[in-house]
Amino acid sequence: MSLKPFRLKQGDRIGVLAPAGPVEQEELRAGVEALEFLGFPVVLSPHALCREGYLAGKDELRLHDLHTMFQDEKVKAILCARGGYGVLRLLDSLDFELIRRHPKILVGYSDITALLLAVYKKTRVVTVHGPVLRDLVKNRGENLKSLMRLLTSREPAAWRFEGARALREGTAEGKLVGGNLSLLTRLLGTPFMPSPKGALLFIEEKGEPLYRIDRMLTHLRLSGFLAGCVGVMIGALIDCDEPAAVEAMIEERLGDLNVPVMTGIPVGHGEENIALPIGVKAVFDTNRRTLALKEPCVRA
């Protein structure tokens, strides 16, 4: 049974932290202004703007900020500033019991995939794969609108993917699990990867050569992970080769799965990045090109 965080209400404070790569304050300005315009005060964690090479500060500082945000009763949701790299270094030191006692909305994507999946696996708290603060106003603000509808509504969300294409048709129902393909493969064999049994898997990636996408998908097959999934949704694969070559490889690697498979889902590093809750039941229909949650992802 998943544990849902509380619904976001106007006036609630949103905390921002950088658990992975470093970020400059100017990169966050537009996102902060957009949230505060909607009536959500924003507070940066103490070390959000730190830098330690390719990391947003030392591990212990990023870990401290994460724990502090979950403990702070005034903070109702936590939004990651950016992805990059660094979350994997924190997982074996995370206080998952603390997070379970203070279930809050946690949003991010890319490298943040590792945090979202680990928190869900260890605590059953629903997490949200969605835009980071740095990208919040992309897509003419539609990503922000999509995210806020998901986090503030008492009704289950639903989407229709006009540009999607079915590689294998069908309908499936299961719990949403997924995120960045590189991070999914890095979590295989660790205690932080949710079970694929009954999962509706969604994946996305950026900047990986075609053979590496092939290698990672093959890894998921060989590990048995894909065998447990009831459906697969392919999101944005940005700068990974010519789109036709990418789609042909995906069809060759996944087209023989005995589950519905669809490409062209607007999730991940593309201009459009809809927010999807990890751990919530949904129905996936390739014929209608739709995804519909069975329940809200937040508590009233």
Protein backbone atom coordinates (compact mmCIF):
# COMPACT_ATOMS: atom_id res chain seq x y z
CA MET A 1 0.00 0.00 0.00
CA SER A 2 1.45 3.35 -1.07
CA LEU A 3 1.64 6.24 1.40
CA LYS A 4 0.46 9.50 -0.15
CA PRO A 5 1.79 12.93 0.82
CA PHE A 6 -0.69 15.69 1.63
CA ARG A 7 -2.22 17.79 -1.13
CA LEU A 8 -0.56 21.12 -1.80
CA LYS A 9 -2.72 24.13 -0.92
CA GLN A 10 -2.23 27.78 -1.85
CA GLY A 11 0.00 29.44 0.70
CA ASP A 12 1.93 26.25 1.44
CA ARG A 13 5.70 26.62 1.53
CA ILE A 14 7.80 24.78 -1.07
CA GLY A 15 11.35 23.87 -0.17
CA VAL A 16 14.09 23.71 -2.79
CA LEU A 17 17.28 21.67 -2.48
CA ALA A 18 20.10 20.51 -4.75
CA PRO A 19 20.87 16.86 -3.93
CA ALA A 20 22.89 16.28 -7.12
CA GLY A 21 24.69 18.75 -9.41
CA PRO A 22 25.44 22.43 -8.66
CA VAL A 23 23.16 25.24 -9.73
CA GLU A 24 23.47 29.03 -9.91
CA GLN A 25 20.92 31.27 -8.19
CA GLU A 26 20.10 33.05 -11.45
CA GLU A 27 19.05 29.72 -13.01
CA LEU A 28 16.36 29.38 -10.33
CA ARG A 29 14.98 32.89 -10.41
CA ALA A 30 12.23 32.36 -13.01
CA GLY A 31 10.99 29.19 -11.32
CA VAL A 32 10.89 30.82 -7.89
CA GLU A 33 9.00 33.82 -9.26
CA ALA A 34 6.48 31.56 -11.02
CA LEU A 35 5.73 29.57 -7.86
CA GLU A 36 5.43 32.65 -5.69
CA PHE A 37 3.13 34.28 -8.25
CA LEU A 38 0.83 31.26 -7.83
CA GLY A 39 0.83 31.76 -4.07
CA PHE A 40 3.47 29.26 -2.94
CA PRO A 41 6.34 30.80 -0.92
CA VAL A 42 9.71 29.27 -1.77
CA VAL A 43 12.61 28.61 0.60
CA LEU A 44 16.04 27.45 -0.53
CA SER A 45 17.87 24.92 1.61
CA PRO A 46 20.98 26.32 3.35
CA HIS A 47 23.45 24.65 0.96
CA ALA A 48 21.40 24.68 -2.25
CA LEU A 49 23.88 26.97 -4.00
CA CYS A 50 27.08 25.25 -2.82
CA ARG A 51 29.55 23.72 -5.26
CA GLU A 52 32.09 20.95 -4.84
CA GLY A 53 33.34 20.16 -8.35
CA TYR A 54 30.48 18.42 -10.18
CA LEU A 55 28.42 18.19 -6.97
CA ALA A 56 26.23 20.74 -5.20
CA GLY A 57 28.42 20.67 -2.11
CA LYS A 58 29.82 17.84 -0.02
CA ASP A 59 27.71 14.73 0.48
CA GLU A 60 27.09 15.45 4.15
CA LEU A 61 25.76 18.95 3.36
CA ARG A 62 23.37 17.74 0.66
CA LEU A 63 22.21 14.95 2.95
CA HIS A 64 21.70 17.42 5.81
CA ASP A 65 19.56 19.66 3.60
CA LEU A 66 17.43 16.74 2.50
CA HIS A 67 16.77 15.53 6.04
CA THR A 68 16.14 19.09 7.27
CA MET A 69 13.54 19.72 4.56
CA PHE A 70 11.61 16.60 5.53
CA GLN A 71 11.75 17.54 9.22
CA ASP A 72 10.63 21.14 8.69
CA GLU A 73 6.89 21.22 9.40
CA LYS A 74 6.53 24.53 7.54
CA VAL A 75 7.71 22.94 4.28
CA LYS A 76 4.84 21.09 2.57
CA ALA A 77 6.58 20.04 -0.66
CA ILE A 78 10.18 19.58 -1.81
CA LEU A 79 11.30 20.50 -5.32
CA CYS A 80 14.78 19.63 -6.54
CA ALA A 81 16.72 22.47 -8.17
CA ARG A 82 18.28 20.37 -10.96
CA GLY A 83 19.59 16.91 -11.81
CA GLY A 84 23.21 16.30 -12.78
CA TYR A 85 24.92 13.65 -10.67
CA GLY A 86 25.20 12.94 -6.96
CA VAL A 87 22.05 11.27 -5.60
CA LEU A 88 23.49 7.75 -5.75
CA ARG A 89 26.21 8.84 -3.29
CA LEU A 90 23.54 9.65 -0.68
CA LEU A 91 21.28 6.60 -0.78
CA ASP A 92 23.03 4.40 1.78
CA SER A 93 23.03 7.29 4.29
CA LEU A 94 19.41 8.43 3.89
CA ASP A 95 17.19 8.28 6.97
CA PHE A 96 14.23 6.56 5.33
CA GLU A 97 12.39 6.22 8.63
CA LEU A 98 12.50 10.01 9.00
CA ILE A 99 11.05 10.38 5.50
CA ARG A 100 8.32 7.83 6.22
CA ARG A 101 7.32 9.73 9.36
CA HIS A 102 7.12 13.01 7.42
CA PRO A 103 5.70 12.09 4.01
CA LYS A 104 5.95 15.07 1.67
CA ILE A 105 5.67 15.75 -2.02
CA LEU A 106 9.11 15.21 -3.59
CA VAL A 107 9.62 16.26 -7.23
CA GLY A 108 12.44 15.92 -9.75
CA TYR A 109 13.74 13.94 -12.71
CA SER A 110 16.99 12.94 -14.45
CA ASP A 111 19.51 12.06 -11.68
CA ILE A 112 16.74 12.63 -9.12
CA THR A 113 15.22 9.38 -10.44
CA ALA A 114 17.45 7.52 -7.98
CA LEU A 115 16.04 9.48 -5.03
CA LEU A 116 12.42 9.13 -6.17
CA LEU A 117 12.68 5.37 -6.61
CA ALA A 118 14.67 4.78 -3.43
CA VAL A 119 12.23 6.77 -1.30
CA TYR A 120 9.27 4.91 -2.78
CA LYS A 121 10.94 1.52 -2.36
CA LYS A 122 12.04 2.06 1.23
CA THR A 123 9.07 4.07 2.59
CA ARG A 124 6.17 3.47 0.14
CA VAL A 125 5.77 7.27 0.00
CA VAL A 126 4.56 8.34 -3.45
CA THR A 127 7.12 10.54 -5.23
CA VAL A 128 6.73 12.64 -8.38
CA HIS A 129 8.81 12.44 -11.56
CA GLY A 130 8.43 15.95 -12.89
CA PRO A 131 10.21 19.19 -13.75
CA VAL A 132 12.97 20.53 -11.54
CA LEU A 133 12.95 24.18 -10.48
CA ARG A 134 15.48 25.17 -13.15
CA ASP A 135 13.13 23.88 -15.90
CA LEU A 136 9.83 24.88 -14.35
CA VAL A 137 8.88 27.60 -16.82
CA LYS A 138 9.85 25.66 -19.96
CA ASN A 139 7.12 24.80 -22.49
CA ARG A 140 5.49 28.23 -22.02
CA GLY A 141 4.69 27.41 -18.42
CA GLU A 142 2.62 24.31 -19.30
CA ASN A 143 4.95 22.01 -17.34
CA LEU A 144 4.32 24.07 -14.22
CA LYS A 145 0.55 23.99 -14.79
CA SER A 146 0.62 20.21 -15.25
CA LEU A 147 2.63 19.75 -12.08
CA MET A 148 0.43 22.00 -9.95
CA ARG A 149 -2.77 20.36 -11.20
CA LEU A 150 -1.37 17.00 -10.13
CA LEU A 151 -0.29 18.21 -6.69
CA THR A 152 -3.32 20.34 -5.79
CA SER A 153 -6.25 18.36 -7.19
CA ARG A 154 -8.54 15.96 -5.33
CA GLU A 155 -9.30 14.24 -8.65
CA PRO A 156 -7.10 11.65 -10.42
CA ALA A 157 -5.21 13.05 -13.40
CA ALA A 158 -5.45 11.75 -16.96
CA TRP A 159 -3.51 12.45 -20.17
CA ARG A 160 -3.95 11.90 -23.89
CA PHE A 161 -0.74 11.64 -25.93
CA GLU A 162 -1.57 12.87 -29.43
CA GLY A 163 1.93 12.33 -30.82
CA ALA A 164 2.53 8.88 -29.33
CA ARG A 165 2.87 5.66 -31.35
CA ALA A 166 2.07 2.13 -30.24
CA LEU A 167 4.74 -0.49 -30.87
CA ARG A 168 2.57 -3.15 -29.31
CA GLU A 169 -1.10 -2.41 -28.72
CA GLY A 170 -3.16 -3.14 -25.65
CA THR A 171 -4.38 -1.95 -22.28
CA ALA A 172 -2.67 -2.48 -18.94
CA GLU A 173 -3.20 -1.47 -15.32
CA GLY A 174 -0.43 -1.19 -12.78
CA LYS A 175 1.64 1.08 -10.55
CA LEU A 176 3.73 3.74 -12.26
CA VAL A 177 7.47 3.20 -11.90
CA GLY A 178 10.24 4.77 -13.93
CA GLY A 179 12.46 7.69 -14.76
CA ASN A 180 15.86 8.18 -16.36
CA LEU A 181 17.08 5.01 -18.08
CA SER A 182 20.70 5.37 -16.91
CA LEU A 183 19.61 5.65 -13.29
CA LEU A 184 17.17 2.75 -13.59
CA THR A 185 19.98 0.48 -14.72
CA ARG A 186 22.31 1.79 -11.97
CA LEU A 187 19.74 0.80 -9.32
CA LEU A 188 19.37 -2.77 -10.56
CA GLY A 189 20.83 -5.16 -8.00
CA THR A 190 20.61 -2.60 -5.18
CA PRO A 191 18.08 -2.52 -2.33
CA PHE A 192 16.73 0.79 -3.66
CA MET A 193 14.99 -0.47 -6.81
CA PRO A 194 11.22 -1.03 -6.61
CA SER A 195 9.88 -4.35 -7.78
CA PRO A 196 8.87 -4.45 -11.46
CA LYS A 197 6.02 -6.83 -10.69
CA GLY A 198 2.83 -5.26 -12.01
CA ALA A 199 4.61 -2.01 -12.94
CA LEU A 200 3.76 0.41 -15.71
CA LEU A 201 7.31 1.39 -16.64
CA PHE A 202 8.19 4.78 -18.15
CA ILE A 203 11.69 5.71 -19.26
CA GLU A 204 13.50 8.75 -20.68
CA GLU A 205 17.09 9.71 -21.48
CA LYS A 206 19.34 12.44 -22.86
CA GLY A 207 22.71 12.51 -24.58
CA GLU A 208 23.39 8.78 -24.73
CA PRO A 209 24.61 7.23 -28.02
CA LEU A 210 22.28 4.72 -29.63
CA TYR A 211 24.39 1.71 -28.67
CA ARG A 212 24.22 2.73 -25.01
CA ILE A 213 20.43 2.98 -25.11
CA ASP A 214 20.47 -0.51 -26.66
CA ARG A 215 22.82 -1.74 -23.94
CA MET A 216 20.67 -0.37 -21.13
CA LEU A 217 17.44 -1.77 -22.56
CA THR A 218 19.17 -5.12 -23.06
CA HIS A 219 20.35 -4.95 -19.45
CA LEU A 220 16.76 -4.47 -18.30
CA ARG A 221 15.75 -7.51 -20.37
CA LEU A 222 18.59 -9.76 -19.15
CA SER A 223 17.99 -8.82 -15.52
CA GLY A 224 14.37 -9.96 -15.77
CA PHE A 225 13.12 -6.50 -14.89
CA LEU A 226 11.08 -6.04 -18.07
CA ALA A 227 9.48 -9.46 -17.61
CA GLY A 228 7.68 -8.17 -14.52
CA CYS A 229 6.26 -5.02 -16.13
CA VAL A 230 2.70 -4.88 -17.47
CA GLY A 231 3.35 -1.99 -19.87
CA VAL A 232 6.18 0.21 -21.14
CA MET A 233 6.05 3.91 -22.05
CA ILE A 234 9.01 5.52 -23.80
CA GLY A 235 9.43 9.20 -23.06
CA ALA A 236 11.85 11.75 -24.50
CA LEU A 237 15.14 10.39 -25.84
CA ILE A 238 16.94 13.66 -26.53
CA ASP A 239 20.25 13.85 -28.42
CA CYS A 240 20.53 10.07 -28.56
CA ASP A 241 20.84 9.74 -32.40
CA GLU A 242 18.51 10.28 -35.32
CA PRO A 243 14.91 9.83 -34.10
CA ALA A 244 14.15 7.21 -36.77
CA ALA A 245 17.17 5.14 -35.74
CA VAL A 246 16.25 5.41 -32.06
CA GLU A 247 12.68 4.31 -32.68
CA ALA A 248 13.80 1.40 -34.89
CA MET A 249 16.14 0.16 -32.16
CA ILE A 250 13.44 0.45 -29.48
CA GLU A 251 11.01 -1.47 -31.65
CA GLU A 252 13.61 -4.20 -32.18
CA ARG A 253 14.43 -4.39 -28.46
CA LEU A 254 10.93 -4.04 -26.99
CA GLY A 255 8.45 -4.80 -29.75
CA ASP A 256 8.32 -8.50 -28.89
CA LEU A 257 7.32 -7.94 -25.26
CA ASN A 258 3.95 -9.40 -24.44
CA VAL A 259 2.73 -6.08 -23.00
CA PRO A 260 1.56 -2.74 -24.43
CA VAL A 261 4.49 -0.56 -25.55
CA MET A 262 4.25 3.07 -26.70
CA THR A 263 6.79 5.70 -27.74
CA GLY A 264 6.44 9.47 -27.76
CA ILE A 265 5.29 10.06 -24.16
CA PRO A 266 6.08 13.70 -23.18
CA VAL A 267 8.18 12.84 -20.13
CA GLY A 268 11.77 13.77 -19.37
CA HIS A 269 14.36 16.06 -20.96
CA GLY A 270 12.18 17.30 -23.82
CA GLU A 271 10.46 20.67 -23.92
CA GLU A 272 7.29 19.09 -22.50
CA ASN A 273 7.74 17.19 -19.25
CA ILE A 274 4.50 16.10 -17.62
CA ALA A 275 4.61 15.03 -13.98
CA LEU A 276 3.95 11.36 -13.20
CA PRO A 277 3.57 9.97 -9.67
CA ILE A 278 5.66 6.92 -8.80
CA GLY A 279 3.69 4.29 -6.88
CA VAL A 280 0.17 5.24 -8.00
CA LYS A 281 -2.07 2.86 -9.96
CA ALA A 282 -2.91 3.88 -13.51
CA VAL A 283 -4.46 2.50 -16.69
CA PHE A 284 -2.44 2.67 -19.91
CA ASP A 285 -4.30 2.32 -23.24
CA THR A 286 -2.32 2.38 -26.49
CA ASN A 287 -5.43 2.36 -28.66
CA ARG A 288 -6.68 5.62 -27.17
CA ARG A 289 -3.13 6.81 -26.45
CA THR A 290 -4.12 7.60 -22.87
CA LEU A 291 -2.84 7.23 -19.34
CA ALA A 292 -5.27 7.69 -16.46
CA LEU A 293 -4.58 7.52 -12.75
CA LYS A 294 -6.95 5.31 -10.75
CA GLU A 295 -6.74 7.66 -7.77
CA PRO A 296 -5.25 11.04 -6.78
CA CYS A 297 -1.55 10.93 -5.90
CA VAL A 298 -2.04 13.16 -2.83
CA ARG A 299 -4.18 13.04 0.31
CA ALA A 300 -6.82 15.68 0.91
